[in-house]
Amino acid sequence: MPALLGAGHVMGPTTFDILAWAALALVVVRIGRTGNPRLWILGGLVLGLGLANKHSVGFFAVAIFVGVLLSGGWRLVLNRWFLAGASVAACFTIPDLWWQAAHAGRPLP
């Protein structure tokens, strides 16, 4: 893929953002094919690492959640394993959001 090669030649956040999106999609497809909701913990880990890199992967996670609910797969997301995965992702994201809120509007040194 030219886009992947173009983004990957530099060690920037875009390279890891593409990896996070692809890995999260792979985990969700695996959950859909096997019906194993325990994989949501792995999905939460992938999402948390992706959110630590860039917050845009959060939009993808919300789209996946809404898509699964609308497509009739609500049993795959309305369970304790999904909640555990969401908690893992939140543990990665909350400190970053806290720091950004505390330092909003301050000039950089």
PDB file of N, CA and C in Angstrom:
ATOM      1  N   MET A   1       0.825  -1.180   0.000  1.00  0.00           N
ATOM      2  CA  MET A   1       0.000   0.000   0.000  1.00  0.00           C
ATOM      3  C   MET A   1       0.870   1.244   0.000  1.00  0.00           C
ATOM      4  N   PRO A   2       0.696   2.112  -0.955  1.00  0.00           N
ATOM      5  CA  PRO A   2       1.486   3.337  -0.982  1.00  0.00           C
ATOM      6  C   PRO A   2       1.251   4.229   0.235  1.00  0.00           C
ATOM      7  N   ALA A   3       0.014   4.285   0.728  1.00  0.00           N
ATOM      8  CA  ALA A   3      -0.258   5.138   1.894  1.00  0.00           C
ATOM      9  C   ALA A   3       0.476   4.625   3.121  1.00  0.00           C
ATOM     10  N   LEU A   4       0.495   3.324   3.297  1.00  0.00           N
ATOM     11  CA  LEU A   4       1.186   2.738   4.442  1.00  0.00           C
ATOM     12  C   LEU A   4       2.691   2.919   4.319  1.00  0.00           C
ATOM     13  N   LEU A   5       3.223   2.718   3.131  1.00  0.00           N
ATOM     14  CA  LEU A   5       4.652   2.931   2.925  1.00  0.00           C
ATOM     15  C   LEU A   5       5.020   4.395   3.100  1.00  0.00           C
ATOM     16  N   GLY A   6       4.165   5.283   2.634  1.00  0.00           N
ATOM     17  CA  GLY A   6       4.435   6.707   2.773  1.00  0.00           C
ATOM     18  C   GLY A   6       4.403   7.161   4.225  1.00  0.00           C
ATOM     19  N   ALA A   7       3.482   6.600   5.006  1.00  0.00           N
ATOM     20  CA  ALA A   7       3.389   6.979   6.415  1.00  0.00           C
ATOM     21  C   ALA A   7       4.426   6.262   7.257  1.00  0.00           C
ATOM     22  N   GLY A   8       4.843   5.093   6.813  1.00  0.00           N
ATOM     23  CA  GLY A   8       5.721   4.268   7.623  1.00  0.00           C
ATOM     24  C   GLY A   8       7.195   4.547   7.500  1.00  0.00           C
ATOM     25  N   HIS A   9       7.607   5.367   6.549  1.00  0.00           N
ATOM     26  CA  HIS A   9       9.030   5.601   6.392  1.00  0.00           C
ATOM     27  C   HIS A   9       9.578   6.529   7.476  1.00  0.00           C
ATOM     28  N   VAL A  10       8.690   7.168   8.228  1.00  0.00           N
ATOM     29  CA  VAL A  10       9.088   8.010   9.338  1.00  0.00           C
ATOM     30  C   VAL A  10       8.473   7.403  10.606  1.00  0.00           C
ATOM     31  N   MET A  11       9.191   7.433  11.723  1.00  0.00           N
ATOM     32  CA  MET A  11       8.633   6.885  12.966  1.00  0.00           C
ATOM     33  C   MET A  11       7.748   7.931  13.637  1.00  0.00           C
ATOM     34  N   GLY A  12       6.643   8.224  13.010  1.00  0.00           N
ATOM     35  CA  GLY A  12       5.712   9.197  13.555  1.00  0.00           C
ATOM     36  C   GLY A  12       4.483   8.506  14.117  1.00  0.00           C
ATOM     37  N   PRO A  13       3.589   9.271  14.718  1.00  0.00           N
ATOM     38  CA  PRO A  13       2.398   8.666  15.305  1.00  0.00           C
ATOM     39  C   PRO A  13       1.428   8.089  14.278  1.00  0.00           C
ATOM     40  N   THR A  14       1.490   8.539  13.044  1.00  0.00           N
ATOM     41  CA  THR A  14       0.574   8.026  12.026  1.00  0.00           C
ATOM     42  C   THR A  14       0.803   6.541  11.760  1.00  0.00           C
ATOM     43  N   THR A  15       2.051   6.104  11.808  1.00  0.00           N
ATOM     44  CA  THR A  15       2.366   4.700  11.588  1.00  0.00           C
ATOM     45  C   THR A  15       1.685   3.828  12.628  1.00  0.00           C
ATOM     46  N   PHE A  16       1.772   4.236  13.889  1.00  0.00           N
ATOM     47  CA  PHE A  16       1.167   3.454  14.961  1.00  0.00           C
ATOM     48  C   PHE A  16      -0.341   3.609  14.993  1.00  0.00           C
ATOM     49  N   ASP A  17      -0.843   4.726  14.483  1.00  0.00           N
ATOM     50  CA  ASP A  17      -2.286   4.921  14.379  1.00  0.00           C
ATOM     51  C   ASP A  17      -2.883   3.921  13.386  1.00  0.00           C
ATOM     52  N   ILE A  18      -2.239   3.759  12.255  1.00  0.00           N
ATOM     53  CA  ILE A  18      -2.700   2.780  11.254  1.00  0.00           C
ATOM     54  C   ILE A  18      -2.657   1.378  11.834  1.00  0.00           C
ATOM     55  N   LEU A  19      -1.607   1.066  12.578  1.00  0.00           N
ATOM     56  CA  LEU A  19      -1.491  -0.239  13.221  1.00  0.00           C
ATOM     57  C   LEU A  19      -2.613  -0.459  14.228  1.00  0.00           C
ATOM     58  N   ALA A  20      -2.931   0.551  15.032  1.00  0.00           N
ATOM     59  CA  ALA A  20      -3.995   0.418  16.031  1.00  0.00           C
ATOM     60  C   ALA A  20      -5.353   0.192  15.371  1.00  0.00           C
ATOM     61  N   TRP A  21      -5.637   0.933  14.312  1.00  0.00           N
ATOM     62  CA  TRP A  21      -6.917   0.753  13.603  1.00  0.00           C
ATOM     63  C   TRP A  21      -7.019  -0.660  13.036  1.00  0.00           C
ATOM     64  N   ALA A  22      -5.956  -1.127  12.402  1.00  0.00           N
ATOM     65  CA  ALA A  22      -5.982  -2.460  11.797  1.00  0.00           C
ATOM     66  C   ALA A  22      -6.069  -3.552  12.858  1.00  0.00           C
ATOM     67  N   ALA A  23      -5.339  -3.392  13.960  1.00  0.00           N
ATOM     68  CA  ALA A  23      -5.364  -4.405  15.019  1.00  0.00           C
ATOM     69  C   ALA A  23      -6.727  -4.454  15.694  1.00  0.00           C
ATOM     70  N   LEU A  24      -7.345  -3.294  15.917  1.00  0.00           N
ATOM     71  CA  LEU A  24      -8.679  -3.281  16.519  1.00  0.00           C
ATOM     72  C   LEU A  24      -9.702  -3.913  15.584  1.00  0.00           C
ATOM     73  N   ALA A  25      -9.597  -3.630  14.306  1.00  0.00           N
ATOM     74  CA  ALA A  25     -10.504  -4.261  13.339  1.00  0.00           C
ATOM     75  C   ALA A  25     -10.310  -5.772  13.323  1.00  0.00           C
ATOM     76  N   LEU A  26      -9.079  -6.226  13.402  1.00  0.00           N
ATOM     77  CA  LEU A  26      -8.805  -7.661  13.426  1.00  0.00           C
ATOM     78  C   LEU A  26      -9.412  -8.327  14.662  1.00  0.00           C
ATOM     79  N   VAL A  27      -9.290  -7.686  15.810  1.00  0.00           N
ATOM     80  CA  VAL A  27      -9.865  -8.256  17.042  1.00  0.00           C
ATOM     81  C   VAL A  27     -11.385  -8.314  16.946  1.00  0.00           C
ATOM     82  N   VAL A  28     -12.005  -7.263  16.428  1.00  0.00           N
ATOM     83  CA  VAL A  28     -13.464  -7.238  16.317  1.00  0.00           C
ATOM     84  C   VAL A  28     -13.955  -8.301  15.338  1.00  0.00           C
ATOM     85  N   VAL A  29     -13.257  -8.462  14.225  1.00  0.00           N
ATOM     86  CA  VAL A  29     -13.635  -9.507  13.266  1.00  0.00           C
ATOM     87  C   VAL A  29     -13.489 -10.884  13.909  1.00  0.00           C
ATOM     88  N   ARG A  30     -12.434 -11.061  14.672  1.00  0.00           N
ATOM     89  CA  ARG A  30     -12.218 -12.346  15.362  1.00  0.00           C
ATOM     90  C   ARG A  30     -13.340 -12.622  16.361  1.00  0.00           C
ATOM     91  N   ILE A  31     -13.779 -11.592  17.078  1.00  0.00           N
ATOM     92  CA  ILE A  31     -14.892 -11.756  18.017  1.00  0.00           C
ATOM     93  C   ILE A  31     -16.164 -12.120  17.265  1.00  0.00           C
ATOM     94  N   GLY A  32     -16.395 -11.464  16.143  1.00  0.00           N
ATOM     95  CA  GLY A  32     -17.581 -11.762  15.349  1.00  0.00           C
ATOM     96  C   GLY A  32     -17.576 -13.163  14.765  1.00  0.00           C
ATOM     97  N   ARG A  33     -16.410 -13.631  14.360  1.00  0.00           N
ATOM     98  CA  ARG A  33     -16.334 -14.969  13.751  1.00  0.00           C
ATOM     99  C   ARG A  33     -16.404 -16.084  14.786  1.00  0.00           C
ATOM    100  N   THR A  34     -15.751 -15.891  15.942  1.00  0.00           N
ATOM    101  CA  THR A  34     -15.716 -16.961  16.941  1.00  0.00           C
ATOM    102  C   THR A  34     -16.820 -16.840  17.974  1.00  0.00           C
ATOM    103  N   GLY A  35     -17.328 -15.632  18.181  1.00  0.00           N
ATOM    104  CA  GLY A  35     -18.334 -15.425  19.213  1.00  0.00           C
ATOM    105  C   GLY A  35     -17.745 -15.438  20.620  1.00  0.00           C
ATOM    106  N   ASN A  36     -16.423 -15.327  20.722  1.00  0.00           N
ATOM    107  CA  ASN A  36     -15.738 -15.361  22.012  1.00  0.00           C
ATOM    108  C   ASN A  36     -15.653 -13.941  22.580  1.00  0.00           C
ATOM    109  N   PRO A  37     -16.498 -13.586  23.551  1.00  0.00           N
ATOM    110  CA  PRO A  37     -16.486 -12.217  24.071  1.00  0.00           C
ATOM    111  C   PRO A  37     -15.274 -11.912  24.946  1.00  0.00           C
ATOM    112  N   ARG A  38     -14.514 -12.928  25.357  1.00  0.00           N
ATOM    113  CA  ARG A  38     -13.329 -12.683  26.187  1.00  0.00           C
ATOM    114  C   ARG A  38     -12.246 -11.925  25.424  1.00  0.00           C
ATOM    115  N   LEU A  39     -12.334 -11.922  24.113  1.00  0.00           N
ATOM    116  CA  LEU A  39     -11.359 -11.182  23.315  1.00  0.00           C
ATOM    117  C   LEU A  39     -11.535  -9.667  23.426  1.00  0.00           C
ATOM    118  N   TRP A  40     -12.636  -9.220  24.057  1.00  0.00           N
ATOM    119  CA  TRP A  40     -12.818  -7.785  24.246  1.00  0.00           C
ATOM    120  C   TRP A  40     -11.724  -7.202  25.131  1.00  0.00           C
ATOM    121  N   ILE A  41     -11.141  -8.006  26.010  1.00  0.00           N
ATOM    122  CA  ILE A  41     -10.047  -7.504  26.836  1.00  0.00           C
ATOM    123  C   ILE A  41      -8.848  -7.179  25.957  1.00  0.00           C
ATOM    124  N   LEU A  42      -8.548  -8.043  24.995  1.00  0.00           N
ATOM    125  CA  LEU A  42      -7.489  -7.753  24.030  1.00  0.00           C
ATOM    126  C   LEU A  42      -7.837  -6.521  23.200  1.00  0.00           C
ATOM    127  N   GLY A  43      -9.106  -6.407  22.814  1.00  0.00           N
ATOM    128  CA  GLY A  43      -9.544  -5.220  22.086  1.00  0.00           C
ATOM    129  C   GLY A  43      -9.380  -3.953  22.907  1.00  0.00           C
ATOM    130  N   GLY A  44      -9.654  -4.037  24.210  1.00  0.00           N
ATOM    131  CA  GLY A  44      -9.452  -2.890  25.084  1.00  0.00           C
ATOM    132  C   GLY A  44      -7.991  -2.509  25.209  1.00  0.00           C
ATOM    133  N   LEU A  45      -7.129  -3.515  25.236  1.00  0.00           N
ATOM    134  CA  LEU A  45      -5.692  -3.247  25.293  1.00  0.00           C
ATOM    135  C   LEU A  45      -5.213  -2.566  24.011  1.00  0.00           C
ATOM    136  N   VAL A  46      -5.656  -3.083  22.877  1.00  0.00           N
ATOM    137  CA  VAL A  46      -5.285  -2.481  21.590  1.00  0.00           C
ATOM    138  C   VAL A  46      -5.830  -1.061  21.499  1.00  0.00           C
ATOM    139  N   LEU A  47      -7.083  -0.875  21.915  1.00  0.00           N
ATOM    140  CA  LEU A  47      -7.688   0.456  21.876  1.00  0.00           C
ATOM    141  C   LEU A  47      -6.965   1.407  22.824  1.00  0.00           C
ATOM    142  N   GLY A  48      -6.623   0.937  24.009  1.00  0.00           N
ATOM    143  CA  GLY A  48      -5.918   1.784  24.959  1.00  0.00           C
ATOM    144  C   GLY A  48      -4.564   2.229  24.445  1.00  0.00           C
ATOM    145  N   LEU A  49      -3.825   1.309  23.848  1.00  0.00           N
ATOM    146  CA  LEU A  49      -2.531   1.680  23.277  1.00  0.00           C
ATOM    147  C   LEU A  49      -2.707   2.638  22.100  1.00  0.00           C
ATOM    148  N   GLY A  50      -3.737   2.400  21.299  1.00  0.00           N
ATOM    149  CA  GLY A  50      -4.012   3.307  20.181  1.00  0.00           C
ATOM    150  C   GLY A  50      -4.415   4.694  20.656  1.00  0.00           C
ATOM    151  N   LEU A  51      -5.203   4.754  21.739  1.00  0.00           N
ATOM    152  CA  LEU A  51      -5.608   6.047  22.276  1.00  0.00           C
ATOM    153  C   LEU A  51      -4.445   6.777  22.931  1.00  0.00           C
ATOM    154  N   ALA A  52      -3.481   6.027  23.456  1.00  0.00           N
ATOM    155  CA  ALA A  52      -2.292   6.658  24.016  1.00  0.00           C
ATOM    156  C   ALA A  52      -1.464   7.309  22.910  1.00  0.00           C
ATOM    157  N   ASN A  53      -1.584   6.797  21.705  1.00  0.00           N
ATOM    158  CA  ASN A  53      -0.857   7.351  20.565  1.00  0.00           C
ATOM    159  C   ASN A  53      -1.600   8.555  19.974  1.00  0.00           C
ATOM    160  N   LYS A  54      -2.842   8.329  19.539  1.00  0.00           N
ATOM    161  CA  LYS A  54      -3.690   9.384  18.970  1.00  0.00           C
ATOM    162  C   LYS A  54      -5.130   9.079  19.350  1.00  0.00           C
ATOM    163  N   HIS A  55      -5.895  10.118  19.594  1.00  0.00           N
ATOM    164  CA  HIS A  55      -7.275   9.914  20.035  1.00  0.00           C
ATOM    165  C   HIS A  55      -8.235   9.570  18.910  1.00  0.00           C
ATOM    166  N   SER A  56      -7.789   9.627  17.678  1.00  0.00           N
ATOM    167  CA  SER A  56      -8.699   9.396  16.549  1.00  0.00           C
ATOM    168  C   SER A  56      -9.203   7.959  16.489  1.00  0.00           C
ATOM    169  N   VAL A  57      -8.476   7.018  17.057  1.00  0.00           N
ATOM    170  CA  VAL A  57      -8.933   5.634  17.050  1.00  0.00           C
ATOM    171  C   VAL A  57     -10.190   5.473  17.919  1.00  0.00           C
ATOM    172  N   GLY A  58     -10.435   6.430  18.800  1.00  0.00           N
ATOM    173  CA  GLY A  58     -11.656   6.409  19.604  1.00  0.00           C
ATOM    174  C   GLY A  58     -12.913   6.558  18.753  1.00  0.00           C
ATOM    175  N   PHE A  59     -12.817   7.346  17.681  1.00  0.00           N
ATOM    176  CA  PHE A  59     -13.953   7.472  16.764  1.00  0.00           C
ATOM    177  C   PHE A  59     -14.257   6.132  16.094  1.00  0.00           C
ATOM    178  N   PHE A  60     -13.193   5.402  15.760  1.00  0.00           N
ATOM    179  CA  PHE A  60     -13.365   4.082  15.156  1.00  0.00           C
ATOM    180  C   PHE A  60     -14.020   3.130  16.147  1.00  0.00           C
ATOM    181  N   ALA A  61     -13.615   3.200  17.415  1.00  0.00           N
ATOM    182  CA  ALA A  61     -14.203   2.330  18.440  1.00  0.00           C
ATOM    183  C   ALA A  61     -15.690   2.635  18.636  1.00  0.00           C
ATOM    184  N   VAL A  62     -16.049   3.908  18.629  1.00  0.00           N
ATOM    185  CA  VAL A  62     -17.461   4.282  18.760  1.00  0.00           C
ATOM    186  C   VAL A  62     -18.251   3.798  17.548  1.00  0.00           C
ATOM    187  N   ALA A  63     -17.666   3.916  16.360  1.00  0.00           N
ATOM    188  CA  ALA A  63     -18.340   3.441  15.142  1.00  0.00           C
ATOM    189  C   ALA A  63     -18.539   1.928  15.186  1.00  0.00           C
ATOM    190  N   ILE A  64     -17.555   1.201  15.693  1.00  0.00           N
ATOM    191  CA  ILE A  64     -17.685  -0.254  15.825  1.00  0.00           C
ATOM    192  C   ILE A  64     -18.811  -0.581  16.796  1.00  0.00           C
ATOM    193  N   PHE A  65     -18.846   0.103  17.919  1.00  0.00           N
ATOM    194  CA  PHE A  65     -19.874  -0.143  18.929  1.00  0.00           C
ATOM    195  C   PHE A  65     -21.275   0.094  18.365  1.00  0.00           C
ATOM    196  N   VAL A  66     -21.465   1.230  17.716  1.00  0.00           N
ATOM    197  CA  VAL A  66     -22.772   1.554  17.145  1.00  0.00           C
ATOM    198  C   VAL A  66     -23.116   0.572  16.026  1.00  0.00           C
ATOM    199  N   GLY A  67     -22.137   0.222  15.203  1.00  0.00           N
ATOM    200  CA  GLY A  67     -22.385  -0.721  14.114  1.00  0.00           C
ATOM    201  C   GLY A  67     -22.788  -2.092  14.604  1.00  0.00           C
ATOM    202  N   VAL A  68     -22.147  -2.562  15.656  1.00  0.00           N
ATOM    203  CA  VAL A  68     -22.502  -3.875  16.206  1.00  0.00           C
ATOM    204  C   VAL A  68     -23.905  -3.831  16.803  1.00  0.00           C
ATOM    205  N   LEU A  69     -24.234  -2.751  17.497  1.00  0.00           N
ATOM    206  CA  LEU A  69     -25.583  -2.639  18.058  1.00  0.00           C
ATOM    207  C   LEU A  69     -26.646  -2.593  16.968  1.00  0.00           C
ATOM    208  N   LEU A  70     -26.400  -1.837  15.906  1.00  0.00           N
ATOM    209  CA  LEU A  70     -27.394  -1.703  14.838  1.00  0.00           C
ATOM    210  C   LEU A  70     -27.510  -2.951  13.977  1.00  0.00           C
ATOM    211  N   SER A  71     -26.458  -3.751  13.924  1.00  0.00           N
ATOM    212  CA  SER A  71     -26.498  -4.941  13.080  1.00  0.00           C
ATOM    213  C   SER A  71     -27.081  -6.157  13.781  1.00  0.00           C
ATOM    214  N   GLY A  72     -27.479  -6.000  15.025  1.00  0.00           N
ATOM    215  CA  GLY A  72     -28.103  -7.113  15.729  1.00  0.00           C
ATOM    216  C   GLY A  72     -27.131  -7.948  16.549  1.00  0.00           C
ATOM    217  N   GLY A  73     -25.902  -7.534  16.674  1.00  0.00           N
ATOM    218  CA  GLY A  73     -24.935  -8.289  17.467  1.00  0.00           C
ATOM    219  C   GLY A  73     -24.804  -7.746  18.875  1.00  0.00           C
ATOM    220  N   TRP A  74     -25.898  -7.267  19.448  1.00  0.00           N
ATOM    221  CA  TRP A  74     -25.849  -6.619  20.753  1.00  0.00           C
ATOM    222  C   TRP A  74     -25.372  -7.555  21.855  1.00  0.00           C
ATOM    223  N   ARG A  75     -25.539  -8.856  21.676  1.00  0.00           N
ATOM    224  CA  ARG A  75     -25.061  -9.796  22.703  1.00  0.00           C
ATOM    225  C   ARG A  75     -23.543  -9.828  22.781  1.00  0.00           C
ATOM    226  N   LEU A  76     -22.890  -9.440  21.708  1.00  0.00           N
ATOM    227  CA  LEU A  76     -21.430  -9.420  21.718  1.00  0.00           C
ATOM    228  C   LEU A  76     -20.863  -8.198  22.446  1.00  0.00           C
ATOM    229  N   VAL A  77     -21.659  -7.132  22.584  1.00  0.00           N
ATOM    230  CA  VAL A  77     -21.140  -5.934  23.242  1.00  0.00           C
ATOM    231  C   VAL A  77     -21.797  -5.638  24.584  1.00  0.00           C
ATOM    232  N   LEU A  78     -22.924  -6.192  24.852  1.00  0.00           N
ATOM    233  CA  LEU A  78     -23.585  -5.935  26.125  1.00  0.00           C
ATOM    234  C   LEU A  78     -23.322  -7.089  27.081  1.00  0.00           C
ATOM    235  N   ASN A  79     -22.071  -7.193  27.511  1.00  0.00           N
ATOM    236  CA  ASN A  79     -21.679  -8.227  28.466  1.00  0.00           C
ATOM    237  C   ASN A  79     -20.525  -7.722  29.312  1.00  0.00           C
ATOM    238  N   ARG A  80     -20.120  -8.521  30.284  1.00  0.00           N
ATOM    239  CA  ARG A  80     -19.065  -8.082  31.212  1.00  0.00           C
ATOM    240  C   ARG A  80     -17.696  -8.033  30.561  1.00  0.00           C
ATOM    241  N   TRP A  81     -17.458  -8.837  29.535  1.00  0.00           N
ATOM    242  CA  TRP A  81     -16.153  -8.836  28.873  1.00  0.00           C
ATOM    243  C   TRP A  81     -15.932  -7.534  28.096  1.00  0.00           C
ATOM    244  N   PHE A  82     -16.991  -7.036  27.474  1.00  0.00           N
ATOM    245  CA  PHE A  82     -16.896  -5.753  26.784  1.00  0.00           C
ATOM    246  C   PHE A  82     -16.624  -4.639  27.787  1.00  0.00           C
ATOM    247  N   LEU A  83     -17.305  -4.705  28.924  1.00  0.00           N
ATOM    248  CA  LEU A  83     -17.082  -3.710  29.972  1.00  0.00           C
ATOM    249  C   LEU A  83     -15.658  -3.776  30.505  1.00  0.00           C
ATOM    250  N   ALA A  84     -15.124  -4.987  30.638  1.00  0.00           N
ATOM    251  CA  ALA A  84     -13.733  -5.140  31.093  1.00  0.00           C
ATOM    252  C   ALA A  84     -12.764  -4.550  30.068  1.00  0.00           C
ATOM    253  N   GLY A  85     -13.008  -4.796  28.787  1.00  0.00           N
ATOM    254  CA  GLY A  85     -12.163  -4.224  27.741  1.00  0.00           C
ATOM    255  C   GLY A  85     -12.248  -2.712  27.699  1.00  0.00           C
ATOM    256  N   ALA A  86     -13.456  -2.178  27.880  1.00  0.00           N
ATOM    257  CA  ALA A  86     -13.621  -0.722  27.919  1.00  0.00           C
ATOM    258  C   ALA A  86     -12.894  -0.136  29.130  1.00  0.00           C
ATOM    259  N   SER A  87     -12.887  -0.850  30.234  1.00  0.00           N
ATOM    260  CA  SER A  87     -12.170  -0.387  31.427  1.00  0.00           C
ATOM    261  C   SER A  87     -10.668  -0.367  31.194  1.00  0.00           C
ATOM    262  N   VAL A  88     -10.154  -1.369  30.497  1.00  0.00           N
ATOM    263  CA  VAL A  88      -8.726  -1.391  30.176  1.00  0.00           C
ATOM    264  C   VAL A  88      -8.375  -0.188  29.298  1.00  0.00           C
ATOM    265  N   ALA A  89      -9.185   0.083  28.300  1.00  0.00           N
ATOM    266  CA  ALA A  89      -8.938   1.240  27.427  1.00  0.00           C
ATOM    267  C   ALA A  89      -9.028   2.544  28.210  1.00  0.00           C
ATOM    268  N   ALA A  90      -9.977   2.625  29.137  1.00  0.00           N
ATOM    269  CA  ALA A  90     -10.124   3.840  29.946  1.00  0.00           C
ATOM    270  C   ALA A  90      -8.915   4.055  30.849  1.00  0.00           C
ATOM    271  N   CYS A  91      -8.347   2.971  31.366  1.00  0.00           N
ATOM    272  CA  CYS A  91      -7.155   3.101  32.220  1.00  0.00           C
ATOM    273  C   CYS A  91      -5.980   3.702  31.455  1.00  0.00           C
ATOM    274  N   PHE A  92      -5.901   3.467  30.167  1.00  0.00           N
ATOM    275  CA  PHE A  92      -4.852   4.076  29.348  1.00  0.00           C
ATOM    276  C   PHE A  92      -5.157   5.538  29.039  1.00  0.00           C
ATOM    277  N   THR A  93      -6.428   5.887  28.911  1.00  0.00           N
ATOM    278  CA  THR A  93      -6.817   7.186  28.383  1.00  0.00           C
ATOM    279  C   THR A  93      -7.056   8.248  29.441  1.00  0.00           C
ATOM    280  N   ILE A  94      -7.594   7.868  30.579  1.00  0.00           N
ATOM    281  CA  ILE A  94      -7.965   8.845  31.599  1.00  0.00           C
ATOM    282  C   ILE A  94      -6.777   9.702  32.058  1.00  0.00           C
ATOM    283  N   PRO A  95      -5.582   9.126  32.332  1.00  0.00           N
ATOM    284  CA  PRO A  95      -4.468  10.002  32.738  1.00  0.00           C
ATOM    285  C   PRO A  95      -4.089  11.033  31.671  1.00  0.00           C
ATOM    286  N   ASP A  96      -4.157  10.642  30.416  1.00  0.00           N
ATOM    287  CA  ASP A  96      -3.834  11.576  29.336  1.00  0.00           C
ATOM    288  C   ASP A  96      -4.862  12.695  29.260  1.00  0.00           C
ATOM    289  N   LEU A  97      -6.133  12.364  29.336  1.00  0.00           N
ATOM    290  CA  LEU A  97      -7.176  13.387  29.301  1.00  0.00           C
ATOM    291  C   LEU A  97      -7.100  14.291  30.524  1.00  0.00           C
ATOM    292  N   TRP A  98      -6.756  13.726  31.672  1.00  0.00           N
ATOM    293  CA  TRP A  98      -6.598  14.507  32.893  1.00  0.00           C
ATOM    294  C   TRP A  98      -5.475  15.535  32.713  1.00  0.00           C
ATOM    295  N   TRP A  99      -4.347  15.081  32.178  1.00  0.00           N
ATOM    296  CA  TRP A  99      -3.220  15.988  31.971  1.00  0.00           C
ATOM    297  C   TRP A  99      -3.584  17.091  30.986  1.00  0.00           C
ATOM    298  N   GLN A 100      -4.259  16.737  29.911  1.00  0.00           N
ATOM    299  CA  GLN A 100      -4.631  17.739  28.919  1.00  0.00           C
ATOM    300  C   GLN A 100      -5.599  18.760  29.499  1.00  0.00           C
ATOM    301  N   ALA A 101      -6.534  18.315  30.340  1.00  0.00           N
ATOM    302  CA  ALA A 101      -7.473  19.242  30.958  1.00  0.00           C
ATOM    303  C   ALA A 101      -6.760  20.164  31.943  1.00  0.00           C
ATOM    304  N   ALA A 102      -5.777  19.642  32.658  1.00  0.00           N
ATOM    305  CA  ALA A 102      -5.054  20.447  33.640  1.00  0.00           C
ATOM    306  C   ALA A 102      -4.135  21.470  32.973  1.00  0.00           C
ATOM    307  N   HIS A 103      -3.691  21.187  31.771  1.00  0.00           N
ATOM    308  CA  HIS A 103      -2.746  22.073  31.100  1.00  0.00           C
ATOM    309  C   HIS A 103      -3.342  22.812  29.912  1.00  0.00           C
ATOM    310  N   ALA A 104      -4.646  22.836  29.815  1.00  0.00           N
ATOM    311  CA  ALA A 104      -5.299  23.516  28.690  1.00  0.00           C
ATOM    312  C   ALA A 104      -5.106  25.020  28.812  1.00  0.00           C
ATOM    313  N   GLY A 105      -4.714  25.622  27.735  1.00  0.00           N
ATOM    314  CA  GLY A 105      -4.563  27.060  27.678  1.00  0.00           C
ATOM    315  C   GLY A 105      -3.233  27.586  28.189  1.00  0.00           C
ATOM    316  N   ARG A 106      -2.395  26.734  28.725  1.00  0.00           N
ATOM    317  CA  ARG A 106      -1.084  27.163  29.191  1.00  0.00           C
ATOM    318  C   ARG A 106      -0.085  27.143  28.037  1.00  0.00           C
ATOM    319  N   PRO A 107       0.734  28.160  27.941  1.00  0.00           N
ATOM    320  CA  PRO A 107       1.744  28.143  26.854  1.00  0.00           C
ATOM    321  C   PRO A 107       2.843  27.148  27.161  1.00  0.00           C
ATOM    322  N   LEU A 108       3.368  26.561  26.124  1.00  0.00           N
ATOM    323  CA  LEU A 108       4.490  25.643  26.285  1.00  0.00           C
ATOM    324  C   LEU A 108       5.760  26.418  26.572  1.00  0.00           C
ATOM    325  N   PRO A 109       6.668  25.845  27.364  1.00  0.00           N
ATOM    326  CA  PRO A 109       7.914  26.568  27.673  1.00  0.00           C
ATOM    327  C   PRO A 109       8.822  26.702  26.485  1.00  0.00           C
TER     328      PRO A 109
END
